[in-house]
C-alpha atoms as a PDB file:
ATOM      1  CA  UNK A   1     140.216 118.310  86.110  1.00  0.00           C
ATOM      2  CA  UNK A   2     138.852 118.733  89.546  1.00  0.00           C
ATOM      3  CA  UNK A   3     136.125 121.305  89.536  1.00  0.00           C
ATOM      4  CA  UNK A   4     134.842 122.319  93.476  1.00  0.00           C
ATOM      5  CA  UNK A   5     131.920 125.062  92.149  1.00  0.00           C
ATOM      6  CA  UNK A   6     130.961 128.045  93.450  1.00  0.00           C
ATOM      7  CA  UNK A   7     127.486 127.194  94.732  1.00  0.00           C
ATOM      8  CA  UNK A   8     127.236 124.516  97.176  1.00  0.00           C
ATOM      9  CA  UNK A   9     123.187 122.800  97.009  1.00  0.00           C
ATOM     10  CA  UNK A  10     123.094 120.241 100.121  1.00  0.00           C
ATOM     11  CA  UNK A  11     120.445 117.576  99.773  1.00  0.00           C
ATOM     12  CA  UNK A  12     118.462 115.171 101.903  1.00  0.00           C
ATOM     13  CA  UNK A  13     117.500 112.184 100.419  1.00  0.00           C
ATOM     14  CA  UNK A  14     115.637 108.713 101.049  1.00  0.00           C
ATOM     15  CA  UNK A  15     118.119 106.451 102.648  1.00  0.00           C
ATOM     16  CA  UNK A  16     117.259 103.807  99.947  1.00  0.00           C
ATOM     17  CA  UNK A  17     117.196 106.214  97.128  1.00  0.00           C
ATOM     18  CA  UNK A  18     120.133 105.276  94.731  1.00  0.00           C
ATOM     19  CA  UNK A  19     118.843 106.977  91.698  1.00  0.00           C
ATOM     20  CA  UNK A  20     117.938 110.686  92.709  1.00  0.00           C
ATOM     21  CA  UNK A  21     121.910 111.360  93.206  1.00  0.00           C
ATOM     22  CA  UNK A  22     123.054 110.554  89.692  1.00  0.00           C
ATOM     23  CA  UNK A  23     120.015 112.157  87.914  1.00  0.00           C
ATOM     24  CA  UNK A  24     120.587 115.787  89.886  1.00  0.00           C
ATOM     25  CA  UNK A  25     124.856 115.575  88.571  1.00  0.00           C
ATOM     26  CA  UNK A  26     123.549 114.917  85.217  1.00  0.00           C
ATOM     27  CA  UNK A  27     121.263 117.761  85.441  1.00  0.00           C
ATOM     28  CA  UNK A  28     123.416 120.424  87.506  1.00  0.00           C
ATOM     29  CA  UNK A  29     126.231 122.804  86.179  1.00  0.00           C
ATOM     30  CA  UNK A  30     129.893 122.070  86.986  1.00  0.00           C
ATOM     31  CA  UNK A  31     129.859 125.156  89.270  1.00  0.00           C
ATOM     32  CA  UNK A  32     126.813 123.914  91.273  1.00  0.00           C
ATOM     33  CA  UNK A  33     128.482 121.131  93.916  1.00  0.00           C
ATOM     34  CA  UNK A  34     125.813 118.691  95.535  1.00  0.00           C
ATOM     35  CA  UNK A  35     126.469 117.567  98.971  1.00  0.00           C
ATOM     36  CA  UNK A  36     124.106 114.890 100.207  1.00  0.00           C
ATOM     37  CA  UNK A  37     122.972 112.909 103.187  1.00  0.00           C
ATOM     38  CA  UNK A  38     120.649 110.044 103.735  1.00  0.00           C
ATOM     39  CA  UNK A  39     117.079 110.290 106.347  1.00  0.00           C
ATOM     40  CA  UNK A  40     115.613 106.205 107.652  1.00  0.00           C
ATOM     41  CA  UNK A  41     113.111 105.299 104.756  1.00  0.00           C
ATOM     42  CA  UNK A  42     113.160 101.754 103.888  1.00  0.00           C
ATOM     43  CA  UNK A  43     109.222 101.507 102.965  1.00  0.00           C
ATOM     44  CA  UNK A  44     106.004 103.559 102.046  1.00  0.00           C
ATOM     45  CA  UNK A  45     103.458 103.266 104.620  1.00  0.00           C
ATOM     46  CA  UNK A  46     102.139 106.220 106.201  1.00  0.00           C
ATOM     47  CA  UNK A  47     104.405 105.288 109.756  1.00  0.00           C
ATOM     48  CA  UNK A  48     107.738 104.698 107.063  1.00  0.00           C
ATOM     49  CA  UNK A  49     107.001 108.250 105.481  1.00  0.00           C
ATOM     50  CA  UNK A  50     106.473 110.401 108.521  1.00  0.00           C
ATOM     51  CA  UNK A  51     109.078 108.505 110.052  1.00  0.00           C
ATOM     52  CA  UNK A  52     111.882 110.042 107.489  1.00  0.00           C
ATOM     53  CA  UNK A  53     111.374 113.345 109.529  1.00  0.00           C
ATOM     54  CA  UNK A  54     112.382 111.638 112.883  1.00  0.00           C
ATOM     55  CA  UNK A  55     116.089 113.197 112.367  1.00  0.00           C
ATOM     56  CA  UNK A  56     115.576 115.776 110.060  1.00  0.00           C
ATOM     57  CA  UNK A  57     116.754 118.484 112.755  1.00  0.00           C
ATOM     58  CA  UNK A  58     120.279 116.534 113.214  1.00  0.00           C
ATOM     59  CA  UNK A  59     120.593 115.468 109.670  1.00  0.00           C
ATOM     60  CA  UNK A  60     120.071 119.194 108.320  1.00  0.00           C
ATOM     61  CA  UNK A  61     122.662 120.472 111.288  1.00  0.00           C
ATOM     62  CA  UNK A  62     125.212 118.081 110.401  1.00  0.00           C
ATOM     63  CA  UNK A  63     124.616 118.814 106.417  1.00  0.00           C
ATOM     64  CA  UNK A  64     125.021 122.688 107.949  1.00  0.00           C
ATOM     65  CA  UNK A  65     128.501 122.315 108.928  1.00  0.00           C
ATOM     66  CA  UNK A  66     129.488 122.107 105.311  1.00  0.00           C
ATOM     67  CA  UNK A  67     127.775 125.845 105.102  1.00  0.00           C
ATOM     68  CA  UNK A  68     125.652 124.785 101.941  1.00  0.00           C
ATOM     69  CA  UNK A  69     124.208 128.204  99.950  1.00  0.00           C
ATOM     70  CA  UNK A  70     120.657 126.215  99.923  1.00  0.00           C
ATOM     71  CA  UNK A  71     119.281 122.761 101.323  1.00  0.00           C
ATOM     72  CA  UNK A  72     117.106 120.533  99.617  1.00  0.00           C
ATOM     73  CA  UNK A  73     114.604 117.766 101.475  1.00  0.00           C
ATOM     74  CA  UNK A  74     113.726 115.739  98.345  1.00  0.00           C
ATOM     75  CA  UNK A  75     111.633 113.224  98.910  1.00  0.00           C
ATOM     76  CA  UNK A  76     108.092 113.528  96.713  1.00  0.00           C
ATOM     77  CA  UNK A  77     106.261 111.878  98.815  1.00  0.00           C
ATOM     78  CA  UNK A  78     106.661 112.907 102.014  1.00  0.00           C
ATOM     79  CA  UNK A  79     106.969 116.513 100.825  1.00  0.00           C
ATOM     80  CA  UNK A  80     103.704 116.177  99.276  1.00  0.00           C
ATOM     81  CA  UNK A  81     102.113 114.009 102.174  1.00  0.00           C
ATOM     82  CA  UNK A  82      99.780 117.007 103.179  1.00  0.00           C
ATOM     83  CA  UNK A  83      99.561 120.499 102.047  1.00  0.00           C
ATOM     84  CA  UNK A  84     101.233 122.112 104.736  1.00  0.00           C
ATOM     85  CA  UNK A  85     104.033 119.434 105.480  1.00  0.00           C
ATOM     86  CA  UNK A  86     106.469 121.298 102.821  1.00  0.00           C
ATOM     87  CA  UNK A  87     106.509 124.663 104.926  1.00  0.00           C
ATOM     88  CA  UNK A  88     107.073 122.893 108.415  1.00  0.00           C
ATOM     89  CA  UNK A  89     109.733 120.887 106.955  1.00  0.00           C
ATOM     90  CA  UNK A  90     111.840 123.600 105.568  1.00  0.00           C
ATOM     91  CA  UNK A  91     111.289 125.913 108.735  1.00  0.00           C
ATOM     92  CA  UNK A  92     112.834 122.935 111.046  1.00  0.00           C
ATOM     93  CA  UNK A  93     115.493 123.060 108.435  1.00  0.00           C
ATOM     94  CA  UNK A  94     116.483 126.249 108.608  1.00  0.00           C
ATOM     95  CA  UNK A  95     116.275 126.803 111.959  1.00  0.00           C
ATOM     96  CA  UNK A  96     118.842 124.224 112.493  1.00  0.00           C
ATOM     97  CA  UNK A  97     121.082 125.388 110.030  1.00  0.00           C
ATOM     98  CA  UNK A  98     120.897 129.202 109.749  1.00  0.00           C
ATOM     99  CA  UNK A  99     120.438 127.938 105.765  1.00  0.00           C
ATOM    100  CA  UNK A 100     117.434 128.728 103.153  1.00  0.00           C
ATOM    101  CA  UNK A 101     115.670 125.533 102.415  1.00  0.00           C
ATOM    102  CA  UNK A 102     113.370 123.873  99.516  1.00  0.00           C
ATOM    103  CA  UNK A 103     111.262 120.673  99.099  1.00  0.00           C
ATOM    104  CA  UNK A 104     110.454 118.651  96.754  1.00  0.00           C
ATOM    105  CA  UNK A 105     106.782 119.572  96.636  1.00  0.00           C
ATOM    106  CA  UNK A 106     107.975 123.661  96.109  1.00  0.00           C
ATOM    107  CA  UNK A 107     109.553 122.566  92.920  1.00  0.00           C
ATOM    108  CA  UNK A 108     106.995 120.963  91.401  1.00  0.00           C
ATOM    109  CA  UNK A 109     104.559 123.989  92.382  1.00  0.00           C
ATOM    110  CA  UNK A 110     106.962 126.451  90.975  1.00  0.00           C
ATOM    111  CA  UNK A 111     107.713 124.205  87.750  1.00  0.00           C
ATOM    112  CA  UNK A 112     103.856 123.648  87.153  1.00  0.00           C
ATOM    113  CA  UNK A 113     103.539 127.751  87.854  1.00  0.00           C
ATOM    114  CA  UNK A 114     106.217 128.478  85.442  1.00  0.00           C
ATOM    115  CA  UNK A 115     104.577 126.019  82.566  1.00  0.00           C
ATOM    116  CA  UNK A 116     101.264 127.280  82.904  1.00  0.00           C
ATOM    117  CA  UNK A 117      99.755 124.131  84.075  1.00  0.00           C
ATOM    118  CA  UNK A 118      96.390 123.486  85.013  1.00  0.00           C
ATOM    119  CA  UNK A 119      95.594 119.811  84.189  1.00  0.00           C
ATOM    120  CA  UNK A 120      97.872 117.323  85.176  1.00  0.00           C
ATOM    121  CA  UNK A 121      98.946 113.621  83.804  1.00  0.00           C
ATOM    122  CA  UNK A 122      99.994 112.167  86.654  1.00  0.00           C
ATOM    123  CA  UNK A 123     102.423 108.647  86.391  1.00  0.00           C
ATOM    124  CA  UNK A 124     104.213 107.246  89.684  1.00  0.00           C
ATOM    125  CA  UNK A 125     105.679 104.153  90.979  1.00  0.00           C
ATOM    126  CA  UNK A 126     103.707 104.314  94.372  1.00  0.00           C
ATOM    127  CA  UNK A 127     101.867 102.237  96.265  1.00  0.00           C
ATOM    128  CA  UNK A 128      97.740 103.430  95.719  1.00  0.00           C
ATOM    129  CA  UNK A 129      97.538 105.222  99.106  1.00  0.00           C
ATOM    130  CA  UNK A 130     100.537 107.151  98.152  1.00  0.00           C
ATOM    131  CA  UNK A 131      99.415 108.140  94.801  1.00  0.00           C
ATOM    132  CA  UNK A 132      96.107 109.763  96.232  1.00  0.00           C
ATOM    133  CA  UNK A 133      97.894 111.769  98.694  1.00  0.00           C
ATOM    134  CA  UNK A 134      99.892 113.072  95.814  1.00  0.00           C
ATOM    135  CA  UNK A 135      96.640 113.810  93.865  1.00  0.00           C
ATOM    136  CA  UNK A 136      95.126 115.547  96.801  1.00  0.00           C
ATOM    137  CA  UNK A 137      98.324 117.672  97.319  1.00  0.00           C
ATOM    138  CA  UNK A 138      98.035 119.140  93.649  1.00  0.00           C
ATOM    139  CA  UNK A 139      94.115 119.471  94.008  1.00  0.00           C
ATOM    140  CA  UNK A 140      94.850 121.644  97.362  1.00  0.00           C
ATOM    141  CA  UNK A 141      97.114 123.860  94.692  1.00  0.00           C
ATOM    142  CA  UNK A 142      94.692 124.231  92.287  1.00  0.00           C
ATOM    143  CA  UNK A 143      95.603 121.628  90.089  1.00  0.00           C
ATOM    144  CA  UNK A 144      93.554 118.980  87.855  1.00  0.00           C
ATOM    145  CA  UNK A 145      94.622 115.612  88.172  1.00  0.00           C
ATOM    146  CA  UNK A 146      92.826 114.399  84.792  1.00  0.00           C
ATOM    147  CA  UNK A 147      94.187 111.349  84.151  1.00  0.00           C
ATOM    148  CA  UNK A 148      97.132 108.997  86.052  1.00  0.00           C
ATOM    149  CA  UNK A 149      98.553 105.079  87.047  1.00  0.00           C
ATOM    150  CA  UNK A 150     100.472 104.019  90.016  1.00  0.00           C
ATOM    151  CA  UNK A 151     102.236 100.665  90.017  1.00  0.00           C
ATOM    152  CA  UNK A 152     102.122  99.860  93.297  1.00  0.00           C
ATOM    153  CA  UNK A 153     105.945  99.341  94.759  1.00  0.00           C
ATOM    154  CA  UNK A 154     106.698  99.788  97.968  1.00  0.00           C
ATOM    155  CA  UNK A 155     110.264 100.818  98.589  1.00  0.00           C
ATOM    156  CA  UNK A 156     112.835 102.858  97.185  1.00  0.00           C
ATOM    157  CA  UNK A 157     114.882  99.998  96.282  1.00  0.00           C
ATOM    158  CA  UNK A 158     112.363  98.696  94.330  1.00  0.00           C
ATOM    159  CA  UNK A 159     111.045 102.003  92.336  1.00  0.00           C
ATOM    160  CA  UNK A 160     115.098 102.268  91.211  1.00  0.00           C
ATOM    161  CA  UNK A 161     114.910  98.694  89.011  1.00  0.00           C
ATOM    162  CA  UNK A 162     112.044  99.545  86.904  1.00  0.00           C
ATOM    163  CA  UNK A 163     113.346 100.083  84.140  1.00  0.00           C
ATOM    164  CA  UNK A 164     113.011 103.629  81.708  1.00  0.00           C
ATOM    165  CA  UNK A 165     111.218 101.772  79.356  1.00  0.00           C
ATOM    166  CA  UNK A 166     108.771 100.605  81.538  1.00  0.00           C
ATOM    167  CA  UNK A 167     108.183 103.634  83.094  1.00  0.00           C
ATOM    168  CA  UNK A 168     107.597 105.017  79.485  1.00  0.00           C
ATOM    169  CA  UNK A 169     105.443 102.262  78.451  1.00  0.00           C
ATOM    170  CA  UNK A 170     103.224 103.502  81.702  1.00  0.00           C
ATOM    171  CA  UNK A 171     102.959 106.547  80.733  1.00  0.00           C
ATOM    172  CA  UNK A 172     101.945 106.286  77.055  1.00  0.00           C
ATOM    173  CA  UNK A 173      99.111 103.681  77.948  1.00  0.00           C
ATOM    174  CA  UNK A 174      97.630 106.706  80.264  1.00  0.00           C
ATOM    175  CA  UNK A 175      98.662 109.394  77.581  1.00  0.00           C
ATOM    176  CA  UNK A 176      96.324 107.722  75.192  1.00  0.00           C
ATOM    177  CA  UNK A 177      93.414 110.267  74.320  1.00  0.00           C
ATOM    178  CA  UNK A 178      93.660 112.424  77.679  1.00  0.00           C
ATOM    179  CA  UNK A 179      94.303 116.096  77.194  1.00  0.00           C
ATOM    180  CA  UNK A 180      96.712 117.439  79.522  1.00  0.00           C
ATOM    181  CA  UNK A 181      98.752 120.565  80.165  1.00  0.00           C
ATOM    182  CA  UNK A 182     102.057 118.576  81.164  1.00  0.00           C
ATOM    183  CA  UNK A 183     103.025 114.866  82.760  1.00  0.00           C
ATOM    184  CA  UNK A 184     104.305 114.882  86.262  1.00  0.00           C
ATOM    185  CA  UNK A 185     106.416 111.555  86.557  1.00  0.00           C
ATOM    186  CA  UNK A 186     106.560 111.685  90.159  1.00  0.00           C
ATOM    187  CA  UNK A 187     109.358 110.269  92.436  1.00  0.00           C
ATOM    188  CA  UNK A 188     113.112 110.338  93.224  1.00  0.00           C
ATOM    189  CA  UNK A 189     113.949 107.023  93.207  1.00  0.00           C
ATOM    190  CA  UNK A 190     112.839 105.917  89.458  1.00  0.00           C
ATOM    191  CA  UNK A 191     115.140 106.451  86.323  1.00  0.00           C
ATOM    192  CA  UNK A 192     112.884 109.246  84.672  1.00  0.00           C
ATOM    193  CA  UNK A 193     115.359 112.023  83.637  1.00  0.00           C
ATOM    194  CA  UNK A 194     116.549 110.448  80.478  1.00  0.00           C
ATOM    195  CA  UNK A 195     113.288 109.890  79.230  1.00  0.00           C
ATOM    196  CA  UNK A 196     111.668 113.758  79.061  1.00  0.00           C
ATOM    197  CA  UNK A 197     113.148 114.914  75.777  1.00  0.00           C
ATOM    198  CA  UNK A 198     111.405 111.931  74.327  1.00  0.00           C
ATOM    199  CA  UNK A 199     107.749 111.805  75.697  1.00  0.00           C
ATOM    200  CA  UNK A 200     107.861 115.811  75.492  1.00  0.00           C
ATOM    201  CA  UNK A 201     108.661 115.088  71.191  1.00  0.00           C
ATOM    202  CA  UNK A 202     106.192 111.895  71.871  1.00  0.00           C
ATOM    203  CA  UNK A 203     103.116 113.503  73.785  1.00  0.00           C
ATOM    204  CA  UNK A 204     103.780 116.571  72.790  1.00  0.00           C
ATOM    205  CA  UNK A 205     103.580 118.660  76.257  1.00  0.00           C
ATOM    206  CA  UNK A 206     105.990 119.502  78.915  1.00  0.00           C
ATOM    207  CA  UNK A 207     107.150 116.318  80.967  1.00  0.00           C
ATOM    208  CA  UNK A 208     108.304 117.386  84.444  1.00  0.00           C
ATOM    209  CA  UNK A 209     109.900 114.846  87.057  1.00  0.00           C
ATOM    210  CA  UNK A 210     110.623 115.315  90.372  1.00  0.00           C
ATOM    211  CA  UNK A 211     114.580 115.336  90.013  1.00  0.00           C
ATOM    212  CA  UNK A 212     114.470 117.697  87.245  1.00  0.00           C
ATOM    213  CA  UNK A 213     111.802 120.054  88.967  1.00  0.00           C
ATOM    214  CA  UNK A 214     114.554 119.757  92.254  1.00  0.00           C
ATOM    215  CA  UNK A 215     117.450 120.520  90.370  1.00  0.00           C
ATOM    216  CA  UNK A 216     115.402 123.619  88.015  1.00  0.00           C
ATOM    217  CA  UNK A 217     114.252 125.207  91.527  1.00  0.00           C
ATOM    218  CA  UNK A 218     117.264 124.635  93.093  1.00  0.00           C
ATOM    219  CA  UNK A 219     119.470 126.591  90.401  1.00  0.00           C
ATOM    220  CA  UNK A 220     116.875 128.966  90.324  1.00  0.00           C
ATOM    221  CA  UNK A 221     117.236 129.643  94.299  1.00  0.00           C
ATOM    222  CA  UNK A 222     120.976 129.661  93.699  1.00  0.00           C
ATOM    223  CA  UNK A 223     121.184 132.035  91.189  1.00  0.00           C
ATOM    224  CA  UNK A 224     122.519 130.195  88.983  1.00  0.00           C
ATOM    225  CA  UNK A 225     122.063 130.819  84.997  1.00  0.00           C
ATOM    226  CA  UNK A 226     124.208 128.484  83.444  1.00  0.00           C
ATOM    227  CA  UNK A 227     121.699 126.531  80.334  1.00  0.00           C
ATOM    228  CA  UNK A 228     120.775 123.661  80.971  1.00  0.00           C
ATOM    229  CA  UNK A 229     120.035 121.333  78.020  1.00  0.00           C
ATOM    230  CA  UNK A 230     118.661 117.843  77.380  1.00  0.00           C
ATOM    231  CA  UNK A 231     116.325 117.779  79.799  1.00  0.00           C
ATOM    232  CA  UNK A 232     113.231 119.058  78.689  1.00  0.00           C
ATOM    233  CA  UNK A 233     111.163 122.248  78.029  1.00  0.00           C
ATOM    234  CA  UNK A 234     111.420 123.572  81.610  1.00  0.00           C
ATOM    235  CA  UNK A 235     114.936 124.101  81.895  1.00  0.00           C
ATOM    236  CA  UNK A 236     114.232 126.284  78.705  1.00  0.00           C
ATOM    237  CA  UNK A 237     111.847 128.507  80.416  1.00  0.00           C
END
């Protein structure tokens, strides 16, 4: 049976990302249709990350032709690049389309507020400058990163090849002996959503991922109350 849905989520993702749409689709109920387009991003240098915004207005405008109920800018590294940037991105999308807009950074902070998180364990695949900027972003928003690690991976294509087993091992290595309120596995391009339930059981703390929080936050913005199971405590809030 074909299900077209009653609500539409527009999605702007990095061009090299082959993971986000698959994970999001697994977490969105059938009554939400996802409409995606891409913005050029191949590497993780500061210049490459900022260049992703060059065609933002035009890409958002084209996506707006499909009349989504909300448009999400879905790149963690760009939306957390600086404390002010997510707001500027979503304002540009709304100006170009007349549609409400959210960003991955908005979803991350909303999830931490819902979970009552103050102390964060941060695990990323990023190169160190991106990892450090994310720490700075979380700190600027009142969170404390108590421990973490990054893998030094540069491109979305390479990130997609990191096995879920390797991500889980990275989490457990960093979490040993650390007291935190939640674990954040950052990045929209890694295969992490399927790890959430098992990691929450072993770590005894909430685990959030970039794709999970975007799905959760988008459903709240869309007013969709369908129960989503199997992807962590956040969806039970």
